[in-house]
Amino acid sequence: MPKPTRWKPYQSGIASWYHDRRTASGERFIASDFSAAHRTLPFGTLVRITTVRTGRSCVVRINDRGPYVRGRIIDVSPAAARMLGLNVSGIAKVNTEIEVK
């Protein structure tokens, strides 16, 4: 039986979405994957992102570096953006949590 995932609050701030580029981890960027870019979290870290306004959330895996726009804490793939509702506005205030192992 798999162990239940536990989450630890990490950051709050602005998330945005990105597309069509090679990832810093060397993986091919796949728009339908639930992946994200973060400045400092290790590649492979699982992050639960929750949109403050709507409460919508999803889990992404860090496989890239960024965002490079001042004031933003995380960039998500188009698939994650759709799940969070970012694909319309482009940005949103979010809370992030990291997986506790």
PDB file of N, CA and C in Angstrom:
ATOM      1  N   MET A   1       0.849  -1.179   0.000  1.00  0.00           N
ATOM      2  CA  MET A   1       0.000   0.000   0.000  1.00  0.00           C
ATOM      3  C   MET A   1       0.898   1.247   0.000  1.00  0.00           C
ATOM      4  N   PRO A   2       0.682   2.174  -0.950  1.00  0.00           N
ATOM      5  CA  PRO A   2       1.525   3.363  -1.001  1.00  0.00           C
ATOM      6  C   PRO A   2       1.306   4.273   0.205  1.00  0.00           C
ATOM      7  N   LYS A   3       2.404   4.909   0.610  1.00  0.00           N
ATOM      8  CA  LYS A   3       2.336   5.845   1.726  1.00  0.00           C
ATOM      9  C   LYS A   3       1.598   7.114   1.295  1.00  0.00           C
ATOM     10  N   PRO A   4       0.719   7.670   2.144  1.00  0.00           N
ATOM     11  CA  PRO A   4       0.051   8.918   1.773  1.00  0.00           C
ATOM     12  C   PRO A   4       1.071  10.056   1.682  1.00  0.00           C
ATOM     13  N   THR A   5       0.844  10.938   0.728  1.00  0.00           N
ATOM     14  CA  THR A   5       1.745  12.069   0.546  1.00  0.00           C
ATOM     15  C   THR A   5       1.452  13.141   1.585  1.00  0.00           C
ATOM     16  N   ARG A   6       2.527  13.649   2.202  1.00  0.00           N
ATOM     17  CA  ARG A   6       2.399  14.761   3.143  1.00  0.00           C
ATOM     18  C   ARG A   6       3.018  15.986   2.504  1.00  0.00           C
ATOM     19  N   TRP A   7       2.451  17.147   2.820  1.00  0.00           N
ATOM     20  CA  TRP A   7       2.878  18.400   2.207  1.00  0.00           C
ATOM     21  C   TRP A   7       3.279  19.405   3.272  1.00  0.00           C
ATOM     22  N   LYS A   8       4.300  20.187   2.972  1.00  0.00           N
ATOM     23  CA  LYS A   8       4.790  21.228   3.873  1.00  0.00           C
ATOM     24  C   LYS A   8       4.669  22.573   3.153  1.00  0.00           C
ATOM     25  N   PRO A   9       4.020  23.582   3.764  1.00  0.00           N
ATOM     26  CA  PRO A   9       3.920  24.897   3.127  1.00  0.00           C
ATOM     27  C   PRO A   9       5.305  25.412   2.739  1.00  0.00           C
ATOM     28  N   TYR A  10       5.389  26.030   1.547  1.00  0.00           N
ATOM     29  CA  TYR A  10       6.689  26.478   1.061  1.00  0.00           C
ATOM     30  C   TYR A  10       6.717  27.973   0.727  1.00  0.00           C
ATOM     31  N   GLN A  11       5.988  28.402  -0.295  1.00  0.00           N
ATOM     32  CA  GLN A  11       6.001  29.808  -0.724  1.00  0.00           C
ATOM     33  C   GLN A  11       4.611  30.251  -1.147  1.00  0.00           C
ATOM     34  N   SER A  12       4.397  31.556  -1.068  1.00  0.00           N
ATOM     35  CA  SER A  12       3.200  32.180  -1.644  1.00  0.00           C
ATOM     36  C   SER A  12       3.674  33.284  -2.559  1.00  0.00           C
ATOM     37  N   GLY A  13       2.977  33.464  -3.657  1.00  0.00           N
ATOM     38  CA  GLY A  13       3.360  34.514  -4.597  1.00  0.00           C
ATOM     39  C   GLY A  13       2.652  34.339  -5.921  1.00  0.00           C
ATOM     40  N   ILE A  14       3.243  34.899  -6.959  1.00  0.00           N
ATOM     41  CA  ILE A  14       2.631  34.900  -8.285  1.00  0.00           C
ATOM     42  C   ILE A  14       3.201  33.769  -9.131  1.00  0.00           C
ATOM     43  N   ALA A  15       2.293  33.019  -9.755  1.00  0.00           N
ATOM     44  CA  ALA A  15       2.671  31.971 -10.709  1.00  0.00           C
ATOM     45  C   ALA A  15       2.288  32.425 -12.107  1.00  0.00           C
ATOM     46  N   SER A  16       3.030  31.957 -13.086  1.00  0.00           N
ATOM     47  CA  SER A  16       2.709  32.211 -14.489  1.00  0.00           C
ATOM     48  C   SER A  16       2.928  30.907 -15.248  1.00  0.00           C
ATOM     49  N   TRP A  17       2.654  30.914 -16.549  1.00  0.00           N
ATOM     50  CA  TRP A  17       2.880  29.704 -17.331  1.00  0.00           C
ATOM     51  C   TRP A  17       3.787  29.994 -18.510  1.00  0.00           C
ATOM     52  N   TYR A  18       4.424  28.964 -19.004  1.00  0.00           N
ATOM     53  CA  TYR A  18       5.384  29.097 -20.093  1.00  0.00           C
ATOM     54  C   TYR A  18       5.241  27.921 -21.050  1.00  0.00           C
ATOM     55  N   HIS A  19       5.901  28.014 -22.199  1.00  0.00           N
ATOM     56  CA  HIS A  19       5.794  26.936 -23.186  1.00  0.00           C
ATOM     57  C   HIS A  19       6.957  26.970 -24.176  1.00  0.00           C
ATOM     58  N   ASP A  20       7.064  25.884 -24.901  1.00  0.00           N
ATOM     59  CA  ASP A  20       7.963  25.773 -26.053  1.00  0.00           C
ATOM     60  C   ASP A  20       9.413  26.135 -25.798  1.00  0.00           C
ATOM     61  N   ARG A  21      10.048  25.438 -24.880  1.00  0.00           N
ATOM     62  CA  ARG A  21      11.475  25.619 -24.722  1.00  0.00           C
ATOM     63  C   ARG A  21      12.103  24.370 -24.123  1.00  0.00           C
ATOM     64  N   ARG A  22      13.371  24.272 -24.233  1.00  0.00           N
ATOM     65  CA  ARG A  22      14.109  23.158 -23.643  1.00  0.00           C
ATOM     66  C   ARG A  22      14.236  23.406 -22.147  1.00  0.00           C
ATOM     67  N   THR A  23      14.211  22.360 -21.367  1.00  0.00           N
ATOM     68  CA  THR A  23      14.290  22.517 -19.916  1.00  0.00           C
ATOM     69  C   THR A  23      15.741  22.510 -19.445  1.00  0.00           C
ATOM     70  N   ALA A  24      15.994  23.126 -18.320  1.00  0.00           N
ATOM     71  CA  ALA A  24      17.341  23.178 -17.744  1.00  0.00           C
ATOM     72  C   ALA A  24      17.813  21.802 -17.288  1.00  0.00           C
ATOM     73  N   SER A  25      16.882  20.892 -17.022  1.00  0.00           N
ATOM     74  CA  SER A  25      17.252  19.538 -16.588  1.00  0.00           C
ATOM     75  C   SER A  25      17.682  18.670 -17.763  1.00  0.00           C
ATOM     76  N   GLY A  26      17.502  19.176 -18.993  1.00  0.00           N
ATOM     77  CA  GLY A  26      17.842  18.411 -20.186  1.00  0.00           C
ATOM     78  C   GLY A  26      16.682  17.625 -20.749  1.00  0.00           C
ATOM     79  N   GLU A  27      15.565  17.593 -20.031  1.00  0.00           N
ATOM     80  CA  GLU A  27      14.377  16.899 -20.539  1.00  0.00           C
ATOM     81  C   GLU A  27      13.757  17.699 -21.677  1.00  0.00           C
ATOM     82  N   ARG A  28      13.069  16.993 -22.543  1.00  0.00           N
ATOM     83  CA  ARG A  28      12.312  17.662 -23.586  1.00  0.00           C
ATOM     84  C   ARG A  28      11.072  18.277 -22.948  1.00  0.00           C
ATOM     85  N   PHE A  29      10.731  19.506 -23.330  1.00  0.00           N
ATOM     86  CA  PHE A  29       9.534  20.153 -22.786  1.00  0.00           C
ATOM     87  C   PHE A  29       8.310  19.522 -23.423  1.00  0.00           C
ATOM     88  N   ILE A  30       7.386  19.055 -22.595  1.00  0.00           N
ATOM     89  CA  ILE A  30       6.135  18.454 -23.073  1.00  0.00           C
ATOM     90  C   ILE A  30       4.991  19.230 -22.438  1.00  0.00           C
ATOM     91  N   ALA A  31       4.237  19.940 -23.264  1.00  0.00           N
ATOM     92  CA  ALA A  31       3.184  20.840 -22.784  1.00  0.00           C
ATOM     93  C   ALA A  31       2.091  20.115 -22.012  1.00  0.00           C
ATOM     94  N   SER A  32       1.883  18.843 -22.287  1.00  0.00           N
ATOM     95  CA  SER A  32       0.810  18.102 -21.605  1.00  0.00           C
ATOM     96  C   SER A  32       1.249  17.518 -20.264  1.00  0.00           C
ATOM     97  N   ASP A  33       2.534  17.630 -19.926  1.00  0.00           N
ATOM     98  CA  ASP A  33       3.019  17.160 -18.625  1.00  0.00           C
ATOM     99  C   ASP A  33       2.738  18.195 -17.539  1.00  0.00           C
ATOM    100  N   PHE A  34       2.614  17.733 -16.317  1.00  0.00           N
ATOM    101  CA  PHE A  34       2.452  18.634 -15.171  1.00  0.00           C
ATOM    102  C   PHE A  34       3.843  18.908 -14.612  1.00  0.00           C
ATOM    103  N   SER A  35       4.499  19.899 -15.210  1.00  0.00           N
ATOM    104  CA  SER A  35       5.861  20.246 -14.825  1.00  0.00           C
ATOM    105  C   SER A  35       5.939  21.738 -14.542  1.00  0.00           C
ATOM    106  N   ALA A  36       7.085  22.161 -13.970  1.00  0.00           N
ATOM    107  CA  ALA A  36       7.226  23.564 -13.598  1.00  0.00           C
ATOM    108  C   ALA A  36       8.690  23.959 -13.536  1.00  0.00           C
ATOM    109  N   ALA A  37       8.897  25.275 -13.528  1.00  0.00           N
ATOM    110  CA  ALA A  37      10.226  25.852 -13.372  1.00  0.00           C
ATOM    111  C   ALA A  37      10.272  26.621 -12.056  1.00  0.00           C
ATOM    112  N   HIS A  38      11.342  26.392 -11.295  1.00  0.00           N
ATOM    113  CA  HIS A  38      11.556  27.100 -10.034  1.00  0.00           C
ATOM    114  C   HIS A  38      13.030  27.452  -9.954  1.00  0.00           C
ATOM    115  N   ARG A  39      13.331  28.581  -9.317  1.00  0.00           N
ATOM    116  CA  ARG A  39      14.723  29.045  -9.265  1.00  0.00           C
ATOM    117  C   ARG A  39      15.651  28.141  -8.460  1.00  0.00           C
ATOM    118  N   THR A  40      15.166  27.582  -7.344  1.00  0.00           N
ATOM    119  CA  THR A  40      16.085  26.892  -6.434  1.00  0.00           C
ATOM    120  C   THR A  40      15.721  25.457  -6.060  1.00  0.00           C
ATOM    121  N   LEU A  41      14.479  25.057  -6.179  1.00  0.00           N
ATOM    122  CA  LEU A  41      14.111  23.694  -5.779  1.00  0.00           C
ATOM    123  C   LEU A  41      14.828  22.669  -6.660  1.00  0.00           C
ATOM    124  N   PRO A  42      15.254  21.554  -6.082  1.00  0.00           N
ATOM    125  CA  PRO A  42      15.944  20.525  -6.868  1.00  0.00           C
ATOM    126  C   PRO A  42      15.034  19.932  -7.945  1.00  0.00           C
ATOM    127  N   PHE A  43      15.633  19.550  -9.073  1.00  0.00           N
ATOM    128  CA  PHE A  43      14.875  18.874 -10.121  1.00  0.00           C
ATOM    129  C   PHE A  43      14.257  17.605  -9.542  1.00  0.00           C
ATOM    130  N   GLY A  44      13.023  17.327  -9.924  1.00  0.00           N
ATOM    131  CA  GLY A  44      12.311  16.154  -9.433  1.00  0.00           C
ATOM    132  C   GLY A  44      11.435  16.417  -8.220  1.00  0.00           C
ATOM    133  N   THR A  45      11.576  17.583  -7.589  1.00  0.00           N
ATOM    134  CA  THR A  45      10.744  17.920  -6.432  1.00  0.00           C
ATOM    135  C   THR A  45       9.283  18.009  -6.850  1.00  0.00           C
ATOM    136  N   LEU A  46       8.396  17.403  -6.073  1.00  0.00           N
ATOM    137  CA  LEU A  46       6.961  17.523  -6.322  1.00  0.00           C
ATOM    138  C   LEU A  46       6.432  18.710  -5.529  1.00  0.00           C
ATOM    139  N   VAL A  47       5.643  19.543  -6.209  1.00  0.00           N
ATOM    140  CA  VAL A  47       5.094  20.759  -5.610  1.00  0.00           C
ATOM    141  C   VAL A  47       3.594  20.781  -5.849  1.00  0.00           C
ATOM    142  N   ARG A  48       2.841  20.973  -4.775  1.00  0.00           N
ATOM    143  CA  ARG A  48       1.395  21.170  -4.922  1.00  0.00           C
ATOM    144  C   ARG A  48       1.152  22.671  -4.985  1.00  0.00           C
ATOM    145  N   ILE A  49       0.494  23.120  -6.028  1.00  0.00           N
ATOM    146  CA  ILE A  49       0.210  24.536  -6.249  1.00  0.00           C
ATOM    147  C   ILE A  49      -1.293  24.737  -6.127  1.00  0.00           C
ATOM    148  N   THR A  50      -1.692  25.728  -5.326  1.00  0.00           N
ATOM    149  CA  THR A  50      -3.110  26.041  -5.145  1.00  0.00           C
ATOM    150  C   THR A  50      -3.345  27.503  -5.469  1.00  0.00           C
ATOM    151  N   THR A  51      -4.289  27.769  -6.364  1.00  0.00           N
ATOM    152  CA  THR A  51      -4.650  29.136  -6.711  1.00  0.00           C
ATOM    153  C   THR A  51      -5.465  29.727  -5.565  1.00  0.00           C
ATOM    154  N   VAL A  52      -5.037  30.870  -5.053  1.00  0.00           N
ATOM    155  CA  VAL A  52      -5.681  31.484  -3.890  1.00  0.00           C
ATOM    156  C   VAL A  52      -7.136  31.839  -4.188  1.00  0.00           C
ATOM    157  N   ARG A  53      -7.401  32.436  -5.327  1.00  0.00           N
ATOM    158  CA  ARG A  53      -8.744  32.933  -5.642  1.00  0.00           C
ATOM    159  C   ARG A  53      -9.763  31.807  -5.827  1.00  0.00           C
ATOM    160  N   THR A  54      -9.359  30.728  -6.500  1.00  0.00           N
ATOM    161  CA  THR A  54     -10.329  29.685  -6.838  1.00  0.00           C
ATOM    162  C   THR A  54     -10.194  28.416  -5.997  1.00  0.00           C
ATOM    163  N   GLY A  55      -9.045  28.219  -5.372  1.00  0.00           N
ATOM    164  CA  GLY A  55      -8.812  26.995  -4.609  1.00  0.00           C
ATOM    165  C   GLY A  55      -8.436  25.805  -5.472  1.00  0.00           C
ATOM    166  N   ARG A  56      -8.325  25.998  -6.789  1.00  0.00           N
ATOM    167  CA  ARG A  56      -7.939  24.914  -7.685  1.00  0.00           C
ATOM    168  C   ARG A  56      -6.479  24.573  -7.456  1.00  0.00           C
ATOM    169  N   SER A  57      -6.159  23.268  -7.506  1.00  0.00           N
ATOM    170  CA  SER A  57      -4.772  22.877  -7.263  1.00  0.00           C
ATOM    171  C   SER A  57      -4.365  21.729  -8.171  1.00  0.00           C
ATOM    172  N   CYS A  58      -3.054  21.548  -8.278  1.00  0.00           N
ATOM    173  CA  CYS A  58      -2.483  20.419  -8.991  1.00  0.00           C
ATOM    174  C   CYS A  58      -1.068  20.196  -8.474  1.00  0.00           C
ATOM    175  N   VAL A  59      -0.534  19.035  -8.790  1.00  0.00           N
ATOM    176  CA  VAL A  59       0.826  18.688  -8.394  1.00  0.00           C
ATOM    177  C   VAL A  59       1.702  18.697  -9.643  1.00  0.00           C
ATOM    178  N   VAL A  60       2.840  19.390  -9.549  1.00  0.00           N
ATOM    179  CA  VAL A  60       3.782  19.472 -10.663  1.00  0.00           C
ATOM    180  C   VAL A  60       5.145  18.956 -10.205  1.00  0.00           C
ATOM    181  N   ARG A  61       5.965  18.607 -11.182  1.00  0.00           N
ATOM    182  CA  ARG A  61       7.337  18.173 -10.907  1.00  0.00           C
ATOM    183  C   ARG A  61       8.290  19.227 -11.455  1.00  0.00           C
ATOM    184  N   ILE A  62       9.246  19.647 -10.646  1.00  0.00           N
ATOM    185  CA  ILE A  62      10.216  20.654 -11.069  1.00  0.00           C
ATOM    186  C   ILE A  62      11.211  20.015 -12.034  1.00  0.00           C
ATOM    187  N   ASN A  63      11.300  20.575 -13.249  1.00  0.00           N
ATOM    188  CA  ASN A  63      12.273  20.074 -14.226  1.00  0.00           C
ATOM    189  C   ASN A  63      12.943  21.210 -15.002  1.00  0.00           C
ATOM    190  N   ASP A  64      12.778  22.453 -14.517  1.00  0.00           N
ATOM    191  CA  ASP A  64      13.347  23.592 -15.231  1.00  0.00           C
ATOM    192  C   ASP A  64      13.680  24.701 -14.240  1.00  0.00           C
ATOM    193  N   ARG A  65      14.416  25.691 -14.697  1.00  0.00           N
ATOM    194  CA  ARG A  65      14.755  26.862 -13.896  1.00  0.00           C
ATOM    195  C   ARG A  65      13.970  28.067 -14.388  1.00  0.00           C
ATOM    196  N   GLY A  66      13.638  28.937 -13.481  1.00  0.00           N
ATOM    197  CA  GLY A  66      12.857  30.129 -13.772  1.00  0.00           C
ATOM    198  C   GLY A  66      11.928  30.346 -12.604  1.00  0.00           C
ATOM    199  N   PRO A  67      11.016  31.240 -12.661  1.00  0.00           N
ATOM    200  CA  PRO A  67      10.789  32.197 -13.746  1.00  0.00           C
ATOM    201  C   PRO A  67      11.825  33.323 -13.711  1.00  0.00           C
ATOM    202  N   TYR A  68      11.964  33.964 -14.841  1.00  0.00           N
ATOM    203  CA  TYR A  68      12.939  35.042 -14.962  1.00  0.00           C
ATOM    204  C   TYR A  68      12.293  36.417 -14.927  1.00  0.00           C
ATOM    205  N   VAL A  69      11.003  36.467 -14.626  1.00  0.00           N
ATOM    206  CA  VAL A  69      10.283  37.731 -14.472  1.00  0.00           C
ATOM    207  C   VAL A  69      10.237  38.071 -12.988  1.00  0.00           C
ATOM    208  N   ARG A  70      10.664  39.250 -12.644  1.00  0.00           N
ATOM    209  CA  ARG A  70      10.710  39.681 -11.244  1.00  0.00           C
ATOM    210  C   ARG A  70       9.332  39.579 -10.589  1.00  0.00           C
ATOM    211  N   GLY A  71       9.301  39.084  -9.356  1.00  0.00           N
ATOM    212  CA  GLY A  71       8.057  39.005  -8.605  1.00  0.00           C
ATOM    213  C   GLY A  71       7.281  37.715  -8.779  1.00  0.00           C
ATOM    214  N   ARG A  72       7.744  36.823  -9.633  1.00  0.00           N
ATOM    215  CA  ARG A  72       7.056  35.546  -9.827  1.00  0.00           C
ATOM    216  C   ARG A  72       7.852  34.431  -9.156  1.00  0.00           C
ATOM    217  N   ILE A  73       7.136  33.449  -8.591  1.00  0.00           N
ATOM    218  CA  ILE A  73       7.826  32.397  -7.847  1.00  0.00           C
ATOM    219  C   ILE A  73       7.917  31.075  -8.603  1.00  0.00           C
ATOM    220  N   ILE A  74       7.009  30.841  -9.562  1.00  0.00           N
ATOM    221  CA  ILE A  74       7.003  29.566 -10.271  1.00  0.00           C
ATOM    222  C   ILE A  74       6.347  29.741 -11.635  1.00  0.00           C
ATOM    223  N   ASP A  75       6.870  29.019 -12.632  1.00  0.00           N
ATOM    224  CA  ASP A  75       6.268  28.941 -13.965  1.00  0.00           C
ATOM    225  C   ASP A  75       5.767  27.522 -14.146  1.00  0.00           C
ATOM    226  N   VAL A  76       4.552  27.366 -14.647  1.00  0.00           N
ATOM    227  CA  VAL A  76       3.989  26.029 -14.835  1.00  0.00           C
ATOM    228  C   VAL A  76       3.750  25.741 -16.307  1.00  0.00           C
ATOM    229  N   SER A  77       3.668  24.473 -16.633  1.00  0.00           N
ATOM    230  CA  SER A  77       3.401  24.033 -18.005  1.00  0.00           C
ATOM    231  C   SER A  77       1.968  24.383 -18.400  1.00  0.00           C
ATOM    232  N   PRO A  78       1.670  24.370 -19.708  1.00  0.00           N
ATOM    233  CA  PRO A  78       0.293  24.644 -20.147  1.00  0.00           C
ATOM    234  C   PRO A  78      -0.757  23.715 -19.531  1.00  0.00           C
ATOM    235  N   ALA A  79      -0.431  22.438 -19.346  1.00  0.00           N
ATOM    236  CA  ALA A  79      -1.400  21.507 -18.739  1.00  0.00           C
ATOM    237  C   ALA A  79      -1.725  21.928 -17.314  1.00  0.00           C
ATOM    238  N   ALA A  80      -0.701  22.272 -16.540  1.00  0.00           N
ATOM    239  CA  ALA A  80      -0.921  22.727 -15.169  1.00  0.00           C
ATOM    240  C   ALA A  80      -1.651  24.068 -15.160  1.00  0.00           C
ATOM    241  N   ALA A  81      -1.315  24.938 -16.103  1.00  0.00           N
ATOM    242  CA  ALA A  81      -1.978  26.244 -16.191  1.00  0.00           C
ATOM    243  C   ALA A  81      -3.482  26.077 -16.416  1.00  0.00           C
ATOM    244  N   ARG A  82      -3.858  25.148 -17.288  1.00  0.00           N
ATOM    245  CA  ARG A  82      -5.290  24.897 -17.526  1.00  0.00           C
ATOM    246  C   ARG A  82      -5.968  24.401 -16.254  1.00  0.00           C
ATOM    247  N   MET A  83      -5.316  23.485 -15.551  1.00  0.00           N
ATOM    248  CA  MET A  83      -5.882  22.925 -14.319  1.00  0.00           C
ATOM    249  C   MET A  83      -6.076  24.022 -13.262  1.00  0.00           C
ATOM    250  N   LEU A  84      -5.125  24.957 -13.194  1.00  0.00           N
ATOM    251  CA  LEU A  84      -5.184  26.028 -12.197  1.00  0.00           C
ATOM    252  C   LEU A  84      -6.011  27.227 -12.644  1.00  0.00           C
ATOM    253  N   GLY A  85      -6.349  27.288 -13.934  1.00  0.00           N
ATOM    254  CA  GLY A  85      -7.087  28.434 -14.466  1.00  0.00           C
ATOM    255  C   GLY A  85      -6.191  29.592 -14.860  1.00  0.00           C
ATOM    256  N   LEU A  86      -4.891  29.346 -15.019  1.00  0.00           N
ATOM    257  CA  LEU A  86      -3.950  30.402 -15.402  1.00  0.00           C
ATOM    258  C   LEU A  86      -3.920  30.663 -16.901  1.00  0.00           C
ATOM    259  N   ASN A  87      -4.434  29.720 -17.680  1.00  0.00           N
ATOM    260  CA  ASN A  87      -4.341  29.865 -19.128  1.00  0.00           C
ATOM    261  C   ASN A  87      -5.147  31.043 -19.653  1.00  0.00           C
ATOM    262  N   VAL A  88      -6.083  31.571 -18.875  1.00  0.00           N
ATOM    263  CA  VAL A  88      -6.870  32.730 -19.297  1.00  0.00           C
ATOM    264  C   VAL A  88      -6.181  34.020 -18.850  1.00  0.00           C
ATOM    265  N   SER A  89      -5.879  34.130 -17.568  1.00  0.00           N
ATOM    266  CA  SER A  89      -5.291  35.357 -17.037  1.00  0.00           C
ATOM    267  C   SER A  89      -3.781  35.431 -17.248  1.00  0.00           C
ATOM    268  N   GLY A  90      -3.131  34.273 -17.330  1.00  0.00           N
ATOM    269  CA  GLY A  90      -1.685  34.240 -17.501  1.00  0.00           C
ATOM    270  C   GLY A  90      -0.912  34.203 -16.191  1.00  0.00           C
ATOM    271  N   ILE A  91      -1.454  34.815 -15.152  1.00  0.00           N
ATOM    272  CA  ILE A  91      -0.806  34.815 -13.840  1.00  0.00           C
ATOM    273  C   ILE A  91      -1.874  34.695 -12.754  1.00  0.00           C
ATOM    274  N   ALA A  92      -1.449  34.260 -11.574  1.00  0.00           N
ATOM    275  CA  ALA A  92      -2.367  34.187 -10.434  1.00  0.00           C
ATOM    276  C   ALA A  92      -1.562  34.082  -9.150  1.00  0.00           C
ATOM    277  N   LYS A  93      -2.161  34.529  -8.049  1.00  0.00           N
ATOM    278  CA  LYS A  93      -1.552  34.371  -6.729  1.00  0.00           C
ATOM    279  C   LYS A  93      -1.775  32.928  -6.308  1.00  0.00           C
ATOM    280  N   VAL A  94      -0.693  32.293  -5.851  1.00  0.00           N
ATOM    281  CA  VAL A  94      -0.766  30.883  -5.474  1.00  0.00           C
ATOM    282  C   VAL A  94      -0.047  30.632  -4.153  1.00  0.00           C
ATOM    283  N   ASN A  95      -0.392  29.508  -3.560  1.00  0.00           N
ATOM    284  CA  ASN A  95       0.352  28.967  -2.424  1.00  0.00           C
ATOM    285  C   ASN A  95       0.995  27.689  -2.922  1.00  0.00           C
ATOM    286  N   THR A  96       2.249  27.442  -2.510  1.00  0.00           N
ATOM    287  CA  THR A  96       2.910  26.205  -2.897  1.00  0.00           C
ATOM    288  C   THR A  96       3.276  25.411  -1.652  1.00  0.00           C
ATOM    289  N   GLU A  97       3.258  24.101  -1.831  1.00  0.00           N
ATOM    290  CA  GLU A  97       3.664  23.174  -0.785  1.00  0.00           C
ATOM    291  C   GLU A  97       4.596  22.154  -1.418  1.00  0.00           C
ATOM    292  N   ILE A  98       5.592  21.701  -0.668  1.00  0.00           N
ATOM    293  CA  ILE A  98       6.494  20.684  -1.199  1.00  0.00           C
ATOM    294  C   ILE A  98       6.228  19.356  -0.500  1.00  0.00           C
ATOM    295  N   GLU A  99       6.500  18.288  -1.218  1.00  0.00           N
ATOM    296  CA  GLU A  99       6.288  16.949  -0.689  1.00  0.00           C
ATOM    297  C   GLU A  99       7.289  16.675   0.423  1.00  0.00           C
ATOM    298  N   VAL A 100       6.792  16.111   1.518  1.00  0.00           N
ATOM    299  CA  VAL A 100       7.646  15.713   2.639  1.00  0.00           C
ATOM    300  C   VAL A 100       7.900  14.209   2.483  1.00  0.00           C
ATOM    301  N   LYS A 101       9.161  13.827   2.425  1.00  0.00           N
ATOM    302  CA  LYS A 101       9.496  12.412   2.254  1.00  0.00           C
ATOM    303  C   LYS A 101       9.841  11.762   3.549  1.00  0.00           C
TER     304      LYS A 101
END
